C-alpha atoms as a PDB file:
ATOM      1  CA  UNK A   1    -107.542  79.134-102.903  1.00  0.00           C
ATOM      2  CA  UNK A   2    -108.792  76.228-104.223  1.00  0.00           C
ATOM      3  CA  UNK A   3    -107.147  73.600-106.773  1.00  0.00           C
ATOM      4  CA  UNK A   4    -107.967  74.586-110.445  1.00  0.00           C
ATOM      5  CA  UNK A   5    -106.838  71.204-112.054  1.00  0.00           C
ATOM      6  CA  UNK A   6    -108.879  68.266-112.742  1.00  0.00           C
ATOM      7  CA  UNK A   7    -107.641  66.024-110.242  1.00  0.00           C
ATOM      8  CA  UNK A   8    -109.887  67.294-107.183  1.00  0.00           C
ATOM      9  CA  UNK A   9    -111.460  65.286-104.592  1.00  0.00           C
ATOM     10  CA  UNK A  10    -114.705  63.571-105.262  1.00  0.00           C
ATOM     11  CA  UNK A  11    -116.574  63.938-102.041  1.00  0.00           C
ATOM     12  CA  UNK A  12    -117.750  62.045-100.061  1.00  0.00           C
ATOM     13  CA  UNK A  13    -115.301  59.060-101.242  1.00  0.00           C
ATOM     14  CA  UNK A  14    -112.193  61.400-101.403  1.00  0.00           C
ATOM     15  CA  UNK A  15    -110.974  59.656-104.706  1.00  0.00           C
ATOM     16  CA  UNK A  16    -109.592  61.684-107.336  1.00  0.00           C
ATOM     17  CA  UNK A  17    -112.341  62.671-110.029  1.00  0.00           C
ATOM     18  CA  UNK A  18    -109.809  62.299-112.864  1.00  0.00           C
ATOM     19  CA  UNK A  19    -107.969  59.123-111.978  1.00  0.00           C
ATOM     20  CA  UNK A  20    -109.868  57.404-109.168  1.00  0.00           C
ATOM     21  CA  UNK A  21    -106.761  57.242-107.030  1.00  0.00           C
ATOM     22  CA  UNK A  22    -107.084  58.403-103.244  1.00  0.00           C
ATOM     23  CA  UNK A  23    -107.063  62.014-103.098  1.00  0.00           C
ATOM     24  CA  UNK A  24    -104.533  63.648-103.334  1.00  0.00           C
ATOM     25  CA  UNK A  25    -103.192  61.502-106.133  1.00  0.00           C
ATOM     26  CA  UNK A  26     -99.824  62.124-107.319  1.00  0.00           C
ATOM     27  CA  UNK A  27    -101.048  64.552-110.056  1.00  0.00           C
ATOM     28  CA  UNK A  28    -102.893  66.497-107.634  1.00  0.00           C
ATOM     29  CA  UNK A  29     -99.890  66.849-105.330  1.00  0.00           C
ATOM     30  CA  UNK A  30     -97.903  67.932-108.337  1.00  0.00           C
ATOM     31  CA  UNK A  31    -100.628  70.618-109.231  1.00  0.00           C
ATOM     32  CA  UNK A  32    -100.763  71.561-105.602  1.00  0.00           C
ATOM     33  CA  UNK A  33     -97.163  72.319-105.053  1.00  0.00           C
ATOM     34  CA  UNK A  34     -97.067  74.520-108.338  1.00  0.00           C
ATOM     35  CA  UNK A  35    -100.160  76.092-107.458  1.00  0.00           C
ATOM     36  CA  UNK A  36     -99.346  77.098-104.044  1.00  0.00           C
ATOM     37  CA  UNK A  37     -95.498  77.509-104.720  1.00  0.00           C
ATOM     38  CA  UNK A  38     -95.492  81.248-103.410  1.00  0.00           C
ATOM     39  CA  UNK A  39     -97.407  80.409-100.276  1.00  0.00           C
ATOM     40  CA  UNK A  40     -96.252  76.986 -98.832  1.00  0.00           C
ATOM     41  CA  UNK A  41     -97.867  77.745 -95.566  1.00  0.00           C
ATOM     42  CA  UNK A  42    -101.259  78.316 -97.331  1.00  0.00           C
ATOM     43  CA  UNK A  43    -101.068  74.766 -98.904  1.00  0.00           C
ATOM     44  CA  UNK A  44    -100.519  73.272 -95.376  1.00  0.00           C
ATOM     45  CA  UNK A  45    -103.530  75.163 -94.180  1.00  0.00           C
ATOM     46  CA  UNK A  46    -105.546  74.222 -97.210  1.00  0.00           C
ATOM     47  CA  UNK A  47    -104.476  70.492 -96.818  1.00  0.00           C
ATOM     48  CA  UNK A  48    -105.277  70.151 -93.042  1.00  0.00           C
ATOM     49  CA  UNK A  49    -108.780  71.579 -93.715  1.00  0.00           C
ATOM     50  CA  UNK A  50    -109.294  68.917 -96.543  1.00  0.00           C
ATOM     51  CA  UNK A  51    -108.029  66.190 -94.109  1.00  0.00           C
ATOM     52  CA  UNK A  52    -110.553  67.377 -91.562  1.00  0.00           C
ATOM     53  CA  UNK A  53    -113.283  67.340 -94.277  1.00  0.00           C
ATOM     54  CA  UNK A  54    -112.269  63.758 -95.448  1.00  0.00           C
ATOM     55  CA  UNK A  55    -112.216  62.477 -92.036  1.00  0.00           C
ATOM     56  CA  UNK A  56    -115.606  63.676 -91.302  1.00  0.00           C
ATOM     57  CA  UNK A  57    -117.033  62.432 -94.645  1.00  0.00           C
ATOM     58  CA  UNK A  58    -115.258  58.935 -94.340  1.00  0.00           C
ATOM     59  CA  UNK A  59    -115.230  58.273 -90.335  1.00  0.00           C
ATOM     60  CA  UNK A  60    -117.522  60.720 -88.816  1.00  0.00           C
ATOM     61  CA  UNK A  61    -116.491  63.042 -85.893  1.00  0.00           C
ATOM     62  CA  UNK A  62    -116.063  60.338 -83.275  1.00  0.00           C
ATOM     63  CA  UNK A  63    -113.652  57.956 -85.015  1.00  0.00           C
ATOM     64  CA  UNK A  64    -109.947  57.770 -84.588  1.00  0.00           C
ATOM     65  CA  UNK A  65    -107.756  59.053 -87.639  1.00  0.00           C
ATOM     66  CA  UNK A  66    -106.864  55.900 -89.634  1.00  0.00           C
ATOM     67  CA  UNK A  67    -103.156  55.084 -90.304  1.00  0.00           C
ATOM     68  CA  UNK A  68    -101.220  56.911 -92.730  1.00  0.00           C
ATOM     69  CA  UNK A  69    -103.646  59.855 -92.892  1.00  0.00           C
ATOM     70  CA  UNK A  70    -101.107  62.482 -92.047  1.00  0.00           C
ATOM     71  CA  UNK A  71     -98.828  61.080 -94.849  1.00  0.00           C
ATOM     72  CA  UNK A  72    -101.620  61.206 -97.512  1.00  0.00           C
ATOM     73  CA  UNK A  73    -102.665  64.651 -96.726  1.00  0.00           C
ATOM     74  CA  UNK A  74     -99.880  66.759 -95.273  1.00  0.00           C
ATOM     75  CA  UNK A  75     -96.460  64.997 -94.869  1.00  0.00           C
ATOM     76  CA  UNK A  76     -95.897  64.996 -98.506  1.00  0.00           C
ATOM     77  CA  UNK A  77     -96.196  68.715 -99.026  1.00  0.00           C
ATOM     78  CA  UNK A  78     -93.415  69.539 -96.198  1.00  0.00           C
ATOM     79  CA  UNK A  79     -91.011  67.028 -97.584  1.00  0.00           C
ATOM     80  CA  UNK A  80     -91.145  68.362-101.321  1.00  0.00           C
ATOM     81  CA  UNK A  81     -90.621  72.009-100.359  1.00  0.00           C
END
């Protein structure tokens, strides 16, 4: 499953293609919650994979995770269920 809306990540910067905010932007979060409503665990797996790809694109394999990264990619999805 991949997002179907226009608010998708622009790699390698990981900004939103539609609004330019850090992805997932507020609209992407709303769209993802609706799209994965029947499978919230799949949303978590999808977001974790996206976070890994973003870390690799932006910081490489040997860098530490920047502060707030978990909140940006994962924590919001668990709070909204």
